[in-house]
Amino acid sequence: MNLVADTLSFNFLLSGWLIYLLFAGWALWTAPWFKVENDRHAQNVLLGASVIVLLVWLFSASLDNGLTFHFLLMAVMTLMFGPQFALMGMSLALFGVTFQSGIGWEGFGLNAAVMGIIPIMITWGMFRLGLRFLEMNFFVYTLYNGFLSAAIGATLSLAVSAWILWVGDVHTLAILKQTFIPYIPMLSAPEGFLNGLLIAALVLFRPDWIATFRH
């Protein structure tokens, strides 16, 4: 969901920016630039995926109390490009969303942390664990990395959003229990299904676009 800067405290906004800048610096420093430096096709794929995320994030569902929901697609981004480029692509998409929707530039860092960094790191952490303990065949890759990691990432992202709205006195816990928290499992399953479906399709038809898939 998109967190509106005007409704959040300075401490939350500052914390979001510090977290985002820390991870953005790490991504820029450690990214495997050789994969895209002289590869126009790879650059276009990354840019195209970022535009798709932008469009998905713009077309969000809104409730009467101003709460919004949308798919994240960070599991797909992470599995396609790795966490560093996924973070960069997410940043491009969020830049467009912030410019278009008017949620406030002050909240850019916090939105990036909640909607991007959390699911990206969940997906990457589960992928690394899977490499160590699981046999990465097609079904394990799509169901575990595509479906399960996306569902868990969305659940944690939405749970953190609910906590921020509650602790930040944006909404009372009673309102969140009625209008937000019940939607978390209802949104996490479709998030997992969509990411799993997209990963399965990409593995079948464009495996060269999936940097983490072992042919």
N, C-alpha and C. Protein backbone atom coordinates (compact mmCIF):
# COMPACT_ATOMS: atom_id res chain seq x y z
N MET A 1 0.84 -1.19 0.00
CA MET A 1 0.00 0.00 0.00
C MET A 1 0.87 1.24 0.00
N ASN A 2 0.30 2.35 -0.45
CA ASN A 2 1.03 3.61 -0.48
C ASN A 2 0.81 4.37 0.82
N LEU A 3 1.88 4.68 1.52
CA LEU A 3 1.79 5.46 2.75
C LEU A 3 1.89 6.94 2.39
N VAL A 4 0.92 7.73 2.84
CA VAL A 4 0.86 9.16 2.52
C VAL A 4 1.70 9.94 3.51
N ALA A 5 2.62 10.73 3.00
CA ALA A 5 3.60 11.42 3.85
C ALA A 5 2.93 12.37 4.84
N ASP A 6 1.86 13.04 4.42
CA ASP A 6 1.22 14.04 5.28
C ASP A 6 0.63 13.45 6.55
N THR A 7 0.37 12.14 6.54
CA THR A 7 -0.25 11.51 7.71
C THR A 7 0.77 10.90 8.66
N LEU A 8 2.05 10.95 8.31
CA LEU A 8 3.08 10.26 9.09
C LEU A 8 3.97 11.23 9.85
N SER A 9 4.52 10.76 10.95
CA SER A 9 5.37 11.60 11.78
C SER A 9 6.76 11.74 11.17
N PHE A 10 7.47 12.76 11.63
CA PHE A 10 8.82 13.01 11.14
C PHE A 10 9.75 11.83 11.42
N ASN A 11 9.60 11.20 12.58
CA ASN A 11 10.47 10.08 12.95
C ASN A 11 10.31 8.92 11.98
N PHE A 12 9.08 8.62 11.60
CA PHE A 12 8.86 7.55 10.63
C PHE A 12 9.45 7.92 9.28
N LEU A 13 9.23 9.14 8.84
CA LEU A 13 9.74 9.57 7.54
C LEU A 13 11.27 9.55 7.51
N LEU A 14 11.89 10.02 8.58
CA LEU A 14 13.35 10.03 8.65
C LEU A 14 13.90 8.61 8.68
N SER A 15 13.27 7.74 9.46
CA SER A 15 13.71 6.35 9.54
C SER A 15 13.62 5.68 8.18
N GLY A 16 12.53 5.97 7.46
CA GLY A 16 12.37 5.39 6.14
C GLY A 16 13.47 5.82 5.19
N TRP A 17 13.82 7.10 5.23
CA TRP A 17 14.88 7.60 4.35
C TRP A 17 16.23 6.99 4.71
N LEU A 18 16.52 6.85 6.00
CA LEU A 18 17.79 6.27 6.41
C LEU A 18 17.90 4.82 5.96
N ILE A 19 16.83 4.06 6.12
CA ILE A 19 16.84 2.66 5.68
C ILE A 19 17.00 2.59 4.17
N TYR A 20 16.25 3.42 3.46
CA TYR A 20 16.32 3.39 2.00
C TYR A 20 17.72 3.77 1.50
N LEU A 21 18.28 4.83 2.04
CA LEU A 21 19.61 5.27 1.59
C LEU A 21 20.67 4.23 1.89
N LEU A 22 20.54 3.55 3.02
CA LEU A 22 21.48 2.49 3.37
C LEU A 22 21.44 1.37 2.34
N PHE A 23 20.24 0.90 2.02
CA PHE A 23 20.11 -0.19 1.06
C PHE A 23 20.42 0.28 -0.36
N ALA A 24 20.04 1.51 -0.69
CA ALA A 24 20.35 2.02 -2.03
C ALA A 24 21.86 2.13 -2.23
N GLY A 25 22.57 2.59 -1.20
CA GLY A 25 24.02 2.65 -1.30
C GLY A 25 24.64 1.27 -1.46
N TRP A 26 24.11 0.31 -0.69
CA TRP A 26 24.59 -1.07 -0.83
C TRP A 26 24.34 -1.60 -2.23
N ALA A 27 23.15 -1.33 -2.77
CA ALA A 27 22.81 -1.82 -4.12
C ALA A 27 23.72 -1.22 -5.17
N LEU A 28 23.95 0.08 -5.09
CA LEU A 28 24.81 0.73 -6.07
C LEU A 28 26.25 0.25 -5.97
N TRP A 29 26.71 -0.06 -4.76
CA TRP A 29 28.10 -0.46 -4.54
C TRP A 29 28.35 -1.91 -4.96
N THR A 30 27.37 -2.78 -4.72
CA THR A 30 27.59 -4.21 -4.93
C THR A 30 26.92 -4.77 -6.18
N ALA A 31 26.19 -3.97 -6.91
CA ALA A 31 25.47 -4.47 -8.09
C ALA A 31 26.43 -5.02 -9.14
N PRO A 32 26.07 -6.13 -9.77
CA PRO A 32 26.91 -6.68 -10.85
C PRO A 32 26.71 -5.89 -12.14
N TRP A 33 27.32 -4.74 -12.21
CA TRP A 33 27.10 -3.83 -13.33
C TRP A 33 27.52 -4.43 -14.67
N PHE A 34 28.44 -5.38 -14.65
CA PHE A 34 28.90 -5.97 -15.90
C PHE A 34 27.78 -6.67 -16.66
N LYS A 35 26.70 -7.04 -15.94
CA LYS A 35 25.60 -7.74 -16.59
C LYS A 35 24.77 -6.82 -17.48
N VAL A 36 24.80 -5.53 -17.20
CA VAL A 36 23.95 -4.59 -17.96
C VAL A 36 24.75 -3.48 -18.63
N GLU A 37 26.02 -3.36 -18.29
CA GLU A 37 26.80 -2.21 -18.76
C GLU A 37 26.82 -2.09 -20.27
N ASN A 38 27.05 -3.17 -20.96
CA ASN A 38 27.12 -3.14 -22.42
C ASN A 38 26.06 -4.01 -23.07
N ASP A 39 25.00 -4.27 -22.34
CA ASP A 39 23.93 -5.14 -22.83
C ASP A 39 22.64 -4.33 -22.92
N ARG A 40 22.35 -3.80 -24.10
CA ARG A 40 21.16 -2.97 -24.29
C ARG A 40 19.88 -3.76 -24.05
N HIS A 41 19.92 -5.04 -24.42
CA HIS A 41 18.73 -5.88 -24.22
C HIS A 41 18.41 -6.02 -22.73
N ALA A 42 19.43 -6.29 -21.91
CA ALA A 42 19.22 -6.42 -20.47
C ALA A 42 18.72 -5.11 -19.87
N GLN A 43 19.25 -3.99 -20.35
CA GLN A 43 18.79 -2.70 -19.86
C GLN A 43 17.32 -2.48 -20.19
N ASN A 44 16.92 -2.86 -21.40
CA ASN A 44 15.53 -2.68 -21.80
C ASN A 44 14.59 -3.57 -20.99
N VAL A 45 15.04 -4.80 -20.69
CA VAL A 45 14.21 -5.70 -19.88
C VAL A 45 14.00 -5.12 -18.48
N LEU A 46 15.07 -4.61 -17.87
CA LEU A 46 14.96 -4.01 -16.55
C LEU A 46 14.05 -2.79 -16.57
N LEU A 47 14.22 -1.94 -17.56
CA LEU A 47 13.38 -0.75 -17.67
C LEU A 47 11.93 -1.13 -17.92
N GLY A 48 11.70 -2.12 -18.78
CA GLY A 48 10.34 -2.56 -19.07
C GLY A 48 9.67 -3.14 -17.84
N ALA A 49 10.40 -3.93 -17.06
CA ALA A 49 9.84 -4.50 -15.84
C ALA A 49 9.51 -3.40 -14.84
N SER A 50 10.34 -2.37 -14.76
CA SER A 50 10.08 -1.24 -13.85
C SER A 50 8.83 -0.49 -14.26
N VAL A 51 8.61 -0.33 -15.56
CA VAL A 51 7.41 0.34 -16.04
C VAL A 51 6.17 -0.47 -15.70
N ILE A 52 6.25 -1.79 -15.83
CA ILE A 52 5.12 -2.65 -15.47
C ILE A 52 4.79 -2.51 -13.98
N VAL A 53 5.82 -2.50 -13.13
CA VAL A 53 5.60 -2.31 -11.70
C VAL A 53 4.96 -0.94 -11.45
N LEU A 54 5.42 0.09 -12.14
CA LEU A 54 4.84 1.42 -12.01
C LEU A 54 3.35 1.40 -12.33
N LEU A 55 2.97 0.77 -13.43
CA LEU A 55 1.57 0.73 -13.82
C LEU A 55 0.73 -0.05 -12.82
N VAL A 56 1.26 -1.16 -12.33
CA VAL A 56 0.53 -1.96 -11.34
C VAL A 56 0.34 -1.17 -10.06
N TRP A 57 1.38 -0.45 -9.62
CA TRP A 57 1.27 0.33 -8.39
C TRP A 57 0.35 1.54 -8.55
N LEU A 58 0.24 2.07 -9.74
CA LEU A 58 -0.66 3.22 -9.95
C LEU A 58 -2.12 2.80 -9.90
N PHE A 59 -2.42 1.62 -10.43
CA PHE A 59 -3.81 1.16 -10.45
C PHE A 59 -4.09 0.35 -9.20
N SER A 60 -4.24 1.06 -8.07
CA SER A 60 -4.47 0.42 -6.79
C SER A 60 -5.94 0.50 -6.42
N ALA A 61 -6.35 -0.40 -5.55
CA ALA A 61 -7.73 -0.41 -5.03
C ALA A 61 -7.78 0.41 -3.76
N SER A 62 -8.75 1.31 -3.66
CA SER A 62 -8.86 2.20 -2.51
C SER A 62 -10.11 1.88 -1.70
N LEU A 63 -9.97 2.01 -0.37
CA LEU A 63 -11.10 1.88 0.53
C LEU A 63 -11.61 3.26 0.93
N ASP A 64 -12.75 3.29 1.60
CA ASP A 64 -13.37 4.56 1.94
C ASP A 64 -12.52 5.40 2.89
N ASN A 65 -11.70 4.74 3.72
CA ASN A 65 -10.91 5.49 4.69
C ASN A 65 -9.55 5.90 4.17
N GLY A 66 -9.34 5.79 2.86
CA GLY A 66 -8.09 6.23 2.25
C GLY A 66 -7.03 5.16 2.13
N LEU A 67 -7.26 3.97 2.64
CA LEU A 67 -6.29 2.89 2.52
C LEU A 67 -6.31 2.33 1.11
N THR A 68 -5.13 2.03 0.59
CA THR A 68 -5.02 1.51 -0.77
C THR A 68 -4.26 0.19 -0.77
N PHE A 69 -4.57 -0.64 -1.76
CA PHE A 69 -3.91 -1.93 -1.90
C PHE A 69 -3.51 -2.12 -3.36
N HIS A 70 -2.36 -2.75 -3.57
CA HIS A 70 -1.95 -3.11 -4.92
C HIS A 70 -0.93 -4.24 -4.84
N PHE A 71 -0.74 -4.95 -5.95
CA PHE A 71 0.28 -5.98 -6.00
C PHE A 71 1.66 -5.33 -5.92
N LEU A 72 2.62 -6.08 -5.39
CA LEU A 72 3.99 -5.57 -5.25
C LEU A 72 4.90 -6.01 -6.39
N LEU A 73 4.85 -7.29 -6.74
CA LEU A 73 5.66 -7.88 -7.82
C LEU A 73 7.16 -7.83 -7.52
N MET A 74 7.53 -7.70 -6.26
CA MET A 74 8.95 -7.63 -5.93
C MET A 74 9.62 -8.99 -5.99
N ALA A 75 8.87 -10.06 -5.79
CA ALA A 75 9.49 -11.38 -5.92
C ALA A 75 9.94 -11.62 -7.35
N VAL A 76 9.10 -11.25 -8.31
CA VAL A 76 9.46 -11.39 -9.72
C VAL A 76 10.68 -10.54 -10.04
N MET A 77 10.68 -9.30 -9.57
CA MET A 77 11.80 -8.41 -9.84
C MET A 77 13.10 -8.97 -9.25
N THR A 78 13.02 -9.49 -8.03
CA THR A 78 14.22 -10.01 -7.38
C THR A 78 14.75 -11.25 -8.08
N LEU A 79 13.86 -12.15 -8.46
CA LEU A 79 14.29 -13.38 -9.12
C LEU A 79 14.80 -13.10 -10.53
N MET A 80 14.26 -12.08 -11.18
CA MET A 80 14.71 -11.74 -12.52
C MET A 80 16.08 -11.06 -12.51
N PHE A 81 16.29 -10.14 -11.58
CA PHE A 81 17.45 -9.26 -11.67
C PHE A 81 18.40 -9.33 -10.49
N GLY A 82 18.02 -10.02 -9.42
CA GLY A 82 18.80 -9.97 -8.20
C GLY A 82 18.37 -8.80 -7.34
N PRO A 83 18.74 -8.77 -6.06
CA PRO A 83 18.21 -7.74 -5.15
C PRO A 83 18.66 -6.33 -5.48
N GLN A 84 19.89 -6.17 -5.98
CA GLN A 84 20.38 -4.81 -6.24
C GLN A 84 19.60 -4.15 -7.37
N PHE A 85 19.50 -4.83 -8.51
CA PHE A 85 18.77 -4.25 -9.63
C PHE A 85 17.27 -4.20 -9.36
N ALA A 86 16.75 -5.14 -8.56
CA ALA A 86 15.35 -5.09 -8.18
C ALA A 86 15.07 -3.82 -7.38
N LEU A 87 15.99 -3.47 -6.49
CA LEU A 87 15.84 -2.25 -5.70
C LEU A 87 15.89 -1.01 -6.58
N MET A 88 16.77 -1.02 -7.58
CA MET A 88 16.84 0.12 -8.50
C MET A 88 15.58 0.22 -9.34
N GLY A 89 15.09 -0.91 -9.86
CA GLY A 89 13.87 -0.89 -10.63
C GLY A 89 12.68 -0.44 -9.81
N MET A 90 12.61 -0.91 -8.56
CA MET A 90 11.54 -0.47 -7.66
C MET A 90 11.61 1.03 -7.42
N SER A 91 12.82 1.56 -7.28
CA SER A 91 12.99 2.99 -7.05
C SER A 91 12.47 3.80 -8.23
N LEU A 92 12.75 3.33 -9.45
CA LEU A 92 12.23 4.02 -10.63
C LEU A 92 10.71 4.01 -10.64
N ALA A 93 10.12 2.85 -10.32
CA ALA A 93 8.66 2.74 -10.30
C ALA A 93 8.07 3.64 -9.23
N LEU A 94 8.67 3.64 -8.04
CA LEU A 94 8.15 4.46 -6.95
C LEU A 94 8.30 5.95 -7.25
N PHE A 95 9.35 6.31 -7.95
CA PHE A 95 9.52 7.71 -8.38
C PHE A 95 8.32 8.15 -9.21
N GLY A 96 7.92 7.30 -10.16
CA GLY A 96 6.77 7.62 -10.99
C GLY A 96 5.48 7.66 -10.19
N VAL A 97 5.30 6.72 -9.26
CA VAL A 97 4.10 6.69 -8.44
C VAL A 97 4.02 7.94 -7.57
N THR A 98 5.13 8.31 -6.95
CA THR A 98 5.15 9.48 -6.08
C THR A 98 4.86 10.75 -6.87
N PHE A 99 5.41 10.84 -8.06
CA PHE A 99 5.17 12.01 -8.92
C PHE A 99 3.72 12.07 -9.37
N GLN A 100 3.14 10.93 -9.69
CA GLN A 100 1.80 10.90 -10.27
C GLN A 100 0.70 10.98 -9.22
N SER A 101 0.88 10.31 -8.09
CA SER A 101 -0.22 10.16 -7.14
C SER A 101 -0.24 11.22 -6.05
N GLY A 102 0.87 11.91 -5.86
CA GLY A 102 0.88 12.96 -4.85
C GLY A 102 0.91 12.45 -3.42
N ILE A 103 1.53 11.29 -3.18
CA ILE A 103 1.59 10.77 -1.81
C ILE A 103 2.67 11.46 -0.99
N GLY A 104 3.49 12.29 -1.63
CA GLY A 104 4.47 13.08 -0.90
C GLY A 104 5.87 12.54 -1.00
N TRP A 105 6.81 13.39 -1.45
CA TRP A 105 8.20 12.96 -1.60
C TRP A 105 8.85 12.66 -0.26
N GLU A 106 8.33 13.27 0.81
CA GLU A 106 8.92 13.00 2.12
C GLU A 106 8.78 11.53 2.51
N GLY A 107 7.73 10.89 1.99
CA GLY A 107 7.50 9.49 2.33
C GLY A 107 8.12 8.51 1.36
N PHE A 108 8.92 9.00 0.42
CA PHE A 108 9.52 8.11 -0.59
C PHE A 108 10.35 7.01 0.08
N GLY A 109 11.19 7.38 1.02
CA GLY A 109 12.05 6.39 1.66
C GLY A 109 11.26 5.35 2.42
N LEU A 110 10.23 5.77 3.15
CA LEU A 110 9.44 4.82 3.92
C LEU A 110 8.65 3.89 3.01
N ASN A 111 8.07 4.44 1.95
CA ASN A 111 7.36 3.59 1.00
C ASN A 111 8.31 2.60 0.32
N ALA A 112 9.51 3.06 0.00
CA ALA A 112 10.50 2.17 -0.61
C ALA A 112 10.87 1.04 0.35
N ALA A 113 11.02 1.38 1.63
CA ALA A 113 11.38 0.37 2.61
C ALA A 113 10.27 -0.65 2.79
N VAL A 114 9.03 -0.19 2.89
CA VAL A 114 7.91 -1.09 3.18
C VAL A 114 7.52 -1.89 1.95
N MET A 115 7.36 -1.24 0.80
CA MET A 115 6.85 -1.92 -0.40
C MET A 115 7.95 -2.56 -1.23
N GLY A 116 9.20 -2.14 -1.03
CA GLY A 116 10.27 -2.66 -1.85
C GLY A 116 11.30 -3.47 -1.09
N ILE A 117 11.95 -2.85 -0.12
CA ILE A 117 13.07 -3.49 0.56
C ILE A 117 12.62 -4.74 1.32
N ILE A 118 11.49 -4.66 2.03
CA ILE A 118 11.03 -5.82 2.80
C ILE A 118 10.78 -7.03 1.90
N PRO A 119 9.92 -6.92 0.88
CA PRO A 119 9.69 -8.11 0.05
C PRO A 119 10.91 -8.54 -0.77
N ILE A 120 11.74 -7.60 -1.17
CA ILE A 120 12.96 -7.96 -1.91
C ILE A 120 13.88 -8.78 -1.04
N MET A 121 14.11 -8.35 0.19
CA MET A 121 15.01 -9.07 1.09
C MET A 121 14.42 -10.41 1.52
N ILE A 122 13.11 -10.47 1.69
CA ILE A 122 12.47 -11.75 2.00
C ILE A 122 12.68 -12.73 0.86
N THR A 123 12.44 -12.29 -0.36
CA THR A 123 12.62 -13.16 -1.53
C THR A 123 14.06 -13.60 -1.67
N TRP A 124 14.99 -12.68 -1.51
CA TRP A 124 16.40 -13.01 -1.67
C TRP A 124 16.88 -13.94 -0.57
N GLY A 125 16.44 -13.70 0.66
CA GLY A 125 16.82 -14.57 1.76
C GLY A 125 16.29 -15.98 1.59
N MET A 126 15.03 -16.10 1.15
CA MET A 126 14.46 -17.42 0.92
C MET A 126 15.13 -18.11 -0.26
N PHE A 127 15.50 -17.34 -1.27
CA PHE A 127 16.20 -17.93 -2.41
C PHE A 127 17.54 -18.51 -1.98
N ARG A 128 18.28 -17.79 -1.15
CA ARG A 128 19.57 -18.27 -0.67
C ARG A 128 19.41 -19.52 0.20
N LEU A 129 18.37 -19.53 1.02
CA LEU A 129 18.11 -20.72 1.82
C LEU A 129 17.73 -21.90 0.94
N GLY A 130 16.94 -21.63 -0.09
CA GLY A 130 16.54 -22.69 -0.99
C GLY A 130 17.71 -23.31 -1.72
N LEU A 131 18.66 -22.48 -2.10
CA LEU A 131 19.86 -23.02 -2.76
C LEU A 131 20.62 -23.97 -1.85
N ARG A 132 20.55 -23.71 -0.57
CA ARG A 132 21.33 -24.51 0.37
C ARG A 132 20.61 -25.81 0.76
N PHE A 133 19.29 -25.74 0.88
CA PHE A 133 18.58 -26.88 1.46
C PHE A 133 17.62 -27.58 0.50
N LEU A 134 17.32 -26.98 -0.65
CA LEU A 134 16.32 -27.55 -1.54
C LEU A 134 16.93 -27.85 -2.91
N GLU A 135 16.32 -28.77 -3.61
CA GLU A 135 16.70 -29.04 -4.99
C GLU A 135 15.93 -28.10 -5.90
N MET A 136 16.61 -27.24 -6.59
CA MET A 136 15.96 -26.19 -7.35
C MET A 136 15.50 -26.66 -8.73
N ASN A 137 14.50 -27.54 -8.75
CA ASN A 137 13.88 -27.88 -10.03
C ASN A 137 12.79 -26.87 -10.34
N PHE A 138 12.12 -27.09 -11.46
CA PHE A 138 11.11 -26.12 -11.91
C PHE A 138 10.02 -25.90 -10.87
N PHE A 139 9.50 -26.98 -10.31
CA PHE A 139 8.36 -26.86 -9.40
C PHE A 139 8.77 -26.22 -8.08
N VAL A 140 9.92 -26.59 -7.56
CA VAL A 140 10.39 -25.96 -6.32
C VAL A 140 10.67 -24.49 -6.56
N TYR A 141 11.28 -24.17 -7.69
CA TYR A 141 11.62 -22.78 -7.98
C TYR A 141 10.37 -21.91 -8.09
N THR A 142 9.36 -22.36 -8.82
CA THR A 142 8.17 -21.55 -9.01
C THR A 142 7.29 -21.49 -7.76
N LEU A 143 7.14 -22.63 -7.08
CA LEU A 143 6.25 -22.66 -5.91
C LEU A 143 6.92 -22.04 -4.68
N TYR A 144 8.19 -22.36 -4.48
CA TYR A 144 8.88 -21.85 -3.29
C TYR A 144 9.34 -20.41 -3.48
N ASN A 145 10.12 -20.18 -4.54
CA ASN A 145 10.64 -18.82 -4.76
C ASN A 145 9.59 -17.88 -5.34
N GLY A 146 8.77 -18.38 -6.26
CA GLY A 146 7.79 -17.51 -6.88
C GLY A 146 6.58 -17.26 -6.01
N PHE A 147 5.93 -18.35 -5.57
CA PHE A 147 4.67 -18.21 -4.82
C PHE A 147 4.91 -17.89 -3.34
N LEU A 148 5.64 -18.77 -2.65
CA LEU A 148 5.75 -18.66 -1.20
C LEU A 148 6.48 -17.40 -0.76
N SER A 149 7.60 -17.10 -1.40
CA SER A 149 8.35 -15.91 -0.99
C SER A 149 7.56 -14.64 -1.25
N ALA A 150 6.81 -14.59 -2.35
CA ALA A 150 5.98 -13.41 -2.63
C ALA A 150 4.87 -13.26 -1.60
N ALA A 151 4.24 -14.37 -1.22
CA ALA A 151 3.16 -14.32 -0.23
C ALA A 151 3.68 -13.88 1.13
N ILE A 152 4.83 -14.42 1.54
CA ILE A 152 5.39 -14.04 2.83
C ILE A 152 5.86 -12.58 2.80
N GLY A 153 6.48 -12.18 1.71
CA GLY A 153 6.91 -10.79 1.60
C GLY A 153 5.76 -9.81 1.65
N ALA A 154 4.66 -10.13 0.96
CA ALA A 154 3.48 -9.26 0.99
C ALA A 154 2.86 -9.22 2.38
N THR A 155 2.81 -10.37 3.05
CA THR A 155 2.25 -10.42 4.40
C THR A 155 3.03 -9.53 5.35
N LEU A 156 4.35 -9.65 5.31
CA LEU A 156 5.19 -8.83 6.19
C LEU A 156 5.10 -7.36 5.83
N SER A 157 5.08 -7.05 4.54
CA SER A 157 4.98 -5.66 4.11
C SER A 157 3.67 -5.03 4.60
N LEU A 158 2.57 -5.74 4.44
CA LEU A 158 1.28 -5.22 4.88
C LEU A 158 1.21 -5.14 6.40
N ALA A 159 1.80 -6.12 7.09
CA ALA A 159 1.80 -6.09 8.55
C ALA A 159 2.58 -4.89 9.08
N VAL A 160 3.73 -4.60 8.46
CA VAL A 160 4.51 -3.43 8.86
C VAL A 160 3.74 -2.15 8.56
N SER A 161 3.04 -2.11 7.42
CA SER A 161 2.23 -0.94 7.09
C SER A 161 1.15 -0.72 8.14
N ALA A 162 0.49 -1.80 8.55
CA ALA A 162 -0.54 -1.69 9.58
C ALA A 162 0.05 -1.18 10.89
N TRP A 163 1.23 -1.69 11.24
CA TRP A 163 1.90 -1.25 12.47
C TRP A 163 2.24 0.24 12.41
N ILE A 164 2.72 0.70 11.27
CA ILE A 164 3.06 2.12 11.11
C ILE A 164 1.80 2.98 11.23
N LEU A 165 0.73 2.56 10.61
CA LEU A 165 -0.52 3.32 10.68
C LEU A 165 -1.07 3.37 12.10
N TRP A 166 -0.87 2.29 12.85
CA TRP A 166 -1.35 2.25 14.23
C TRP A 166 -0.47 3.06 15.16
N VAL A 167 0.84 2.78 15.16
CA VAL A 167 1.76 3.48 16.05
C VAL A 167 1.84 4.97 15.72
N GLY A 168 1.70 5.29 14.43
CA GLY A 168 1.74 6.68 14.00
C GLY A 168 0.43 7.42 14.18
N ASP A 169 -0.56 6.77 14.79
CA ASP A 169 -1.88 7.38 15.06
C ASP A 169 -2.59 7.85 13.80
N VAL A 170 -2.30 7.18 12.68
CA VAL A 170 -3.03 7.48 11.45
C VAL A 170 -4.42 6.87 11.52
N HIS A 171 -4.51 5.64 12.02
CA HIS A 171 -5.78 4.96 12.25
C HIS A 171 -5.71 4.23 13.57
N THR A 172 -6.84 4.10 14.22
CA THR A 172 -6.88 3.35 15.47
C THR A 172 -6.78 1.85 15.17
N LEU A 173 -6.40 1.09 16.18
CA LEU A 173 -6.30 -0.35 16.00
C LEU A 173 -7.67 -0.96 15.68
N ALA A 174 -8.72 -0.39 16.23
CA ALA A 174 -10.06 -0.90 15.96
C ALA A 174 -10.43 -0.75 14.49
N ILE A 175 -10.09 0.41 13.91
CA ILE A 175 -10.37 0.63 12.48
C ILE A 175 -9.52 -0.30 11.62
N LEU A 176 -8.25 -0.46 11.98
CA LEU A 176 -7.38 -1.34 11.21
C LEU A 176 -7.86 -2.79 11.27
N LYS A 177 -8.37 -3.21 12.41
CA LYS A 177 -8.89 -4.57 12.53
C LYS A 177 -10.12 -4.79 11.66
N GLN A 178 -10.84 -3.73 11.39
CA GLN A 178 -12.05 -3.85 10.58
C GLN A 178 -11.78 -3.67 9.08
N THR A 179 -10.84 -2.77 8.75
CA THR A 179 -10.73 -2.36 7.34
C THR A 179 -9.38 -2.67 6.70
N PHE A 180 -8.41 -3.14 7.46
CA PHE A 180 -7.09 -3.38 6.88
C PHE A 180 -6.54 -4.77 7.18
N ILE A 181 -6.43 -5.09 8.45
CA ILE A 181 -5.81 -6.36 8.85
C ILE A 181 -6.50 -7.57 8.24
N PRO A 182 -7.84 -7.62 8.16
CA PRO A 182 -8.48 -8.80 7.54
C PRO A 182 -8.12 -9.00 6.07
N TYR A 183 -7.68 -7.94 5.41
CA TYR A 183 -7.33 -8.06 3.99
C TYR A 183 -5.93 -8.63 3.77
N ILE A 184 -5.11 -8.67 4.82
CA ILE A 184 -3.73 -9.12 4.63
C ILE A 184 -3.65 -10.53 4.06
N PRO A 185 -4.31 -11.53 4.67
CA PRO A 185 -4.24 -12.87 4.05
C PRO A 185 -4.95 -12.95 2.71
N MET A 186 -5.98 -12.12 2.53
CA MET A 186 -6.71 -12.12 1.26
C MET A 186 -5.88 -11.54 0.13
N LEU A 187 -4.91 -10.69 0.46
CA LEU A 187 -4.04 -10.09 -0.56
C LEU A 187 -2.75 -10.87 -0.74
N SER A 188 -2.29 -11.51 0.31
CA SER A 188 -1.02 -12.24 0.24
C SER A 188 -1.11 -13.43 -0.70
N ALA A 189 -2.22 -14.17 -0.65
CA ALA A 189 -2.37 -15.33 -1.52
C ALA A 189 -2.39 -14.95 -3.00
N PRO A 190 -3.19 -13.94 -3.41
CA PRO A 190 -3.12 -13.51 -4.82
C PRO A 190 -1.75 -12.98 -5.23
N GLU A 191 -1.06 -12.31 -4.31
CA GLU A 191 0.29 -11.83 -4.60
C GLU A 191 1.20 -13.02 -4.91
N GLY A 192 1.11 -14.05 -4.08
CA GLY A 192 1.91 -15.24 -4.33
C GLY A 192 1.53 -15.92 -5.63
N PHE A 193 0.23 -16.03 -5.89
CA PHE A 193 -0.23 -16.68 -7.12
C PHE A 193 0.25 -15.93 -8.35
N LEU A 194 0.13 -14.60 -8.35
CA LEU A 194 0.52 -13.82 -9.52
C LEU A 194 2.02 -13.92 -9.75
N ASN A 195 2.81 -13.78 -8.70
CA ASN A 195 4.27 -13.87 -8.86
C ASN A 195 4.69 -15.27 -9.30
N GLY A 196 4.06 -16.29 -8.71
CA GLY A 196 4.38 -17.65 -9.11
C GLY A 196 4.02 -17.93 -10.55
N LEU A 197 2.87 -17.41 -10.98
CA LEU A 197 2.45 -17.60 -12.37
C LEU A 197 3.39 -16.90 -13.33
N LEU A 198 3.78 -15.69 -13.01
CA LEU A 198 4.70 -14.95 -13.88
C LEU A 198 6.07 -15.62 -13.94
N ILE A 199 6.55 -16.09 -12.81
CA ILE A 199 7.85 -16.77 -12.80
C ILE A 199 7.79 -18.05 -13.62
N ALA A 200 6.70 -18.81 -13.47
CA ALA A 200 6.56 -20.04 -14.24
C ALA A 200 6.56 -19.75 -15.73
N ALA A 201 5.83 -18.70 -16.13
CA ALA A 201 5.77 -18.34 -17.55
C ALA A 201 7.14 -17.89 -18.06
N LEU A 202 7.85 -17.12 -17.27
CA LEU A 202 9.17 -16.65 -17.69
C LEU A 202 10.18 -17.79 -17.78
N VAL A 203 10.12 -18.71 -16.83
CA VAL A 203 11.02 -19.86 -16.86
C VAL A 203 10.77 -20.70 -18.10
N LEU A 204 9.51 -20.85 -18.48
CA LEU A 204 9.17 -21.68 -19.63
C LEU A 204 9.52 -21.00 -20.95
N PHE A 205 9.25 -19.68 -21.04
CA PHE A 205 9.36 -19.01 -22.33
C PHE A 205 10.56 -18.09 -22.45
N ARG A 206 11.00 -17.48 -21.34
CA ARG A 206 12.17 -16.59 -21.40
C ARG A 206 13.09 -16.84 -20.22
N PRO A 207 13.66 -18.05 -20.12
CA PRO A 207 14.54 -18.34 -18.97
C PRO A 207 15.78 -17.45 -18.93
N ASP A 208 16.17 -16.89 -20.07
CA ASP A 208 17.33 -16.01 -20.09
C ASP A 208 17.07 -14.69 -19.38
N TRP A 209 15.81 -14.38 -19.08
CA TRP A 209 15.48 -13.18 -18.34
C TRP A 209 15.55 -13.39 -16.83
N ILE A 210 15.69 -14.62 -16.37
CA ILE A 210 15.66 -14.93 -14.95
C ILE A 210 17.10 -15.17 -14.48
N ALA A 211 17.67 -14.19 -13.83
CA ALA A 211 19.08 -14.28 -13.43
C ALA A 211 19.31 -15.35 -12.38
N THR A 212 18.30 -15.67 -11.58
CA THR A 212 18.50 -16.62 -10.48
C THR A 212 18.13 -18.06 -10.85
N PHE A 213 17.65 -18.27 -12.06
CA PHE A 213 17.22 -19.62 -12.45
C PHE A 213 18.40 -20.38 -13.02
N ARG A 214 18.60 -21.59 -12.50
CA ARG A 214 19.69 -22.43 -12.96
C ARG A 214 19.19 -23.32 -14.08
N HIS A 215 19.68 -23.12 -15.29
CA HIS A 215 19.20 -23.87 -16.45
C HIS A 215 19.61 -25.34 -16.34
